[in-house]
Protein backbone atom coordinates (compact mmCIF):
# COMPACT_ATOMS: atom_id res chain seq x y z
CA MET A 1 -57.26 25.85 -24.10
CA LYS A 2 -59.31 22.91 -25.68
CA TYR A 3 -56.84 23.02 -28.57
CA ILE A 4 -53.93 22.85 -26.45
CA ARG A 5 -54.91 19.81 -24.61
CA GLN A 6 -55.93 18.10 -27.76
CA PHE A 7 -52.50 18.86 -29.16
CA GLN A 8 -50.88 17.47 -25.89
CA VAL A 9 -52.88 14.28 -26.41
CA LEU A 10 -51.98 13.96 -29.99
CA ALA A 11 -48.38 14.60 -29.36
CA ALA A 12 -48.12 12.01 -26.53
CA ALA A 13 -49.89 9.48 -28.87
CA PHE A 14 -47.39 10.17 -31.68
CA ALA A 15 -44.36 9.76 -29.33
CA LEU A 16 -45.85 6.33 -28.20
CA VAL A 17 -46.16 5.16 -31.76
CA LEU A 18 -42.56 6.32 -32.44
CA SER A 19 -41.24 4.56 -29.58
CA PHE A 20 -42.87 1.03 -30.65
CA ALA A 21 -41.86 1.63 -34.18
CA SER A 22 -38.26 2.21 -33.28
CA GLY A 23 -38.21 -0.85 -30.90
CA GLY A 24 -37.93 1.26 -27.99
CA ALA A 25 -40.68 -0.41 -26.08
CA GLY A 26 -39.91 -4.24 -25.17
CA ALA A 27 -36.48 -4.11 -26.62
CA VAL A 28 -34.51 -7.01 -25.26
CA ASP A 29 -31.33 -6.90 -27.29
CA ALA A 30 -29.91 -3.78 -25.52
CA PRO A 31 -26.60 -4.55 -24.23
CA THR A 32 -26.09 -4.52 -20.50
CA PRO A 33 -23.98 -1.66 -19.00
CA GLN A 34 -21.31 -4.24 -17.90
CA ALA A 35 -21.12 -5.66 -21.28
CA THR A 36 -20.43 -2.16 -22.90
CA ALA A 37 -18.34 -1.02 -20.15
CA GLU A 38 -14.67 -0.54 -21.03
CA LYS A 39 -12.23 -2.93 -19.35
CA GLN A 40 -10.21 -1.35 -16.43
CA LYS A 41 -6.64 -1.27 -16.40
CA VAL A 42 -4.13 -0.74 -13.41
CA VAL A 43 -0.36 -0.93 -13.37
CA PHE A 44 1.43 -1.11 -9.86
CA GLN A 45 5.12 -0.19 -9.49
CA VAL A 46 7.31 -1.92 -6.93
CA SER A 47 10.62 -0.76 -6.52
CA ALA A 48 11.07 -1.64 -2.97
CA GLY A 49 12.49 -4.76 -1.44
CA ASP A 50 10.29 -4.63 1.66
CA PRO A 51 7.95 -7.50 2.11
CA LYS A 52 5.37 -5.08 3.82
CA ILE A 53 5.25 -3.07 0.48
CA TRP A 54 4.78 -6.27 -1.51
CA ASN A 55 2.02 -7.57 0.60
CA LEU A 56 0.30 -4.33 0.26
CA THR A 57 0.64 -4.42 -3.52
CA LEU A 58 -0.52 -7.82 -3.86
CA ASN A 59 -3.61 -7.17 -1.35
CA ASN A 60 -4.31 -4.15 -3.61
CA ALA A 61 -3.98 -6.04 -6.94
CA LYS A 62 -6.47 -8.76 -5.15
CA ASN A 63 -9.01 -6.11 -4.02
CA VAL A 64 -9.09 -4.65 -7.45
CA GLN A 65 -9.78 -8.00 -9.08
CA GLN A 66 -12.65 -8.69 -6.48
CA ASP A 67 -14.20 -5.33 -6.47
CA LEU A 68 -14.36 -5.00 -10.37
CA GLY A 69 -14.32 -8.86 -11.39
CA ALA A 70 -11.07 -10.28 -12.49
CA GLN A 71 -12.46 -10.60 -16.11
CA ASN A 72 -13.11 -6.74 -16.21
CA VAL A 73 -9.61 -5.41 -15.09
CA ASP A 74 -6.16 -6.02 -16.48
CA VAL A 75 -3.74 -5.71 -13.54
CA GLU A 76 0.13 -5.62 -14.02
CA ILE A 77 2.97 -5.22 -11.42
CA VAL A 78 6.20 -3.84 -12.73
CA VAL A 79 9.31 -4.51 -10.71
CA TYR A 80 12.59 -2.89 -10.78
CA GLY A 81 15.34 -1.62 -8.31
CA PRO A 82 15.62 -3.08 -5.04
CA GLY A 83 12.22 -4.78 -5.49
CA ILE A 84 13.46 -7.38 -7.87
CA GLY A 85 14.90 -9.68 -5.15
CA MET A 86 11.28 -10.30 -4.12
CA LEU A 87 10.83 -11.84 -7.37
CA LYS A 88 13.43 -14.72 -6.59
CA PHE A 89 12.89 -18.40 -5.57
CA ASP A 90 13.67 -17.61 -2.15
CA SER A 91 11.45 -14.62 -1.80
CA PRO A 92 9.57 -14.38 1.53
CA VAL A 93 6.26 -13.46 -0.69
CA ALA A 94 6.94 -16.11 -3.69
CA GLY A 95 3.79 -18.16 -2.89
CA ARG A 96 1.65 -14.94 -2.83
CA ILE A 97 3.37 -13.95 -6.11
CA ASP A 98 2.43 -17.25 -7.69
CA ASP A 99 -1.03 -17.11 -6.56
CA ALA A 100 -1.42 -13.55 -7.93
CA LYS A 101 -0.33 -14.78 -11.34
CA VAL A 102 -2.89 -17.84 -11.24
CA SER A 103 -5.52 -15.20 -10.57
CA GLY A 104 -4.53 -13.18 -13.67
CA VAL A 105 -2.08 -10.63 -12.54
CA LYS A 106 0.71 -10.00 -14.85
CA ILE A 107 4.07 -9.53 -12.81
CA VAL A 108 7.01 -8.51 -14.81
CA ALA A 109 10.81 -7.95 -13.95
CA CYS A 110 12.89 -5.26 -15.31
CA GLU A 111 15.89 -6.91 -17.21
CA ASN A 112 18.03 -3.95 -16.70
CA THR A 113 17.84 -4.36 -13.12
CA MET A 114 18.42 -7.93 -13.20
CA ALA A 115 21.57 -7.50 -15.40
CA ALA A 116 22.92 -4.75 -12.82
CA GLN A 117 22.32 -7.16 -9.92
CA LYS A 118 23.66 -10.06 -12.15
CA LEU A 119 20.30 -12.27 -11.89
CA THR A 120 19.36 -14.47 -14.57
CA LYS A 121 15.63 -15.98 -15.41
CA ASP A 122 16.93 -19.14 -13.60
CA ASP A 123 17.23 -17.05 -10.43
CA MET A 124 13.54 -15.73 -10.90
CA LEU A 125 10.17 -17.40 -10.14
CA ALA A 126 8.55 -19.27 -12.98
CA SER A 127 5.29 -17.01 -12.90
CA VAL A 128 7.37 -13.79 -13.69
CA GLY A 129 7.50 -12.17 -17.00
CA TYR A 130 10.14 -9.86 -18.26
CA VAL A 131 10.56 -6.44 -19.77
CA ARG A 132 13.59 -4.66 -20.99
CA ALA A 133 13.04 -1.63 -18.80
CA GLY A 134 10.56 -1.17 -16.03
CA VAL A 135 10.36 2.52 -16.11
CA ILE A 136 9.53 2.16 -19.99
CA GLU A 137 6.99 -0.34 -19.22
CA LEU A 138 5.37 2.04 -16.92
CA MET A 139 5.58 4.99 -19.57
CA LYS A 140 3.83 2.57 -22.17
CA LYS A 141 1.23 1.38 -19.64
CA GLN A 142 0.23 4.90 -18.72
CA LYS A 143 -0.07 5.84 -22.27
CA GLU A 144 -2.39 3.03 -22.96
CA GLY A 145 -4.61 4.26 -20.26
CA TYR A 146 -3.69 2.20 -17.33
CA ALA A 147 -4.10 3.86 -13.90
CA TYR A 148 -0.82 4.11 -12.21
CA ILE A 149 -0.33 2.93 -8.50
CA ARG A 150 2.66 3.08 -6.29
CA PRO A 151 1.94 1.53 -3.06
């Protein structure tokens, strides 16, 4: 029994010496969990022309940025189909779309939908970006690890 206790004391002392030698005790250079965390990514699909859906989407994007920190998340809204009209200058949510862009939300319009509806970039809000095909953009984003949300 006496030898077991001596062994335990020696093992504990050895472990303590190893922790100091490896810099484990008092190490201040360890990165914070937030610094090492992978940036979050989310893509929202909006294909509805309903202002309620748009407001819900814009609220969701804002909440994600507030909860995770805008610098910790990439947020993109992909717009096609009937939803494209909400990206025009006379849209009832134009001000909120511009505000979202200022806060770091990327909003992109489908050029295929624009062509089908005979819309040009001159018809659209200045804050809008463009992709050739909205559905393809969603596919690419999901492949890149973006969470997909359709409000």
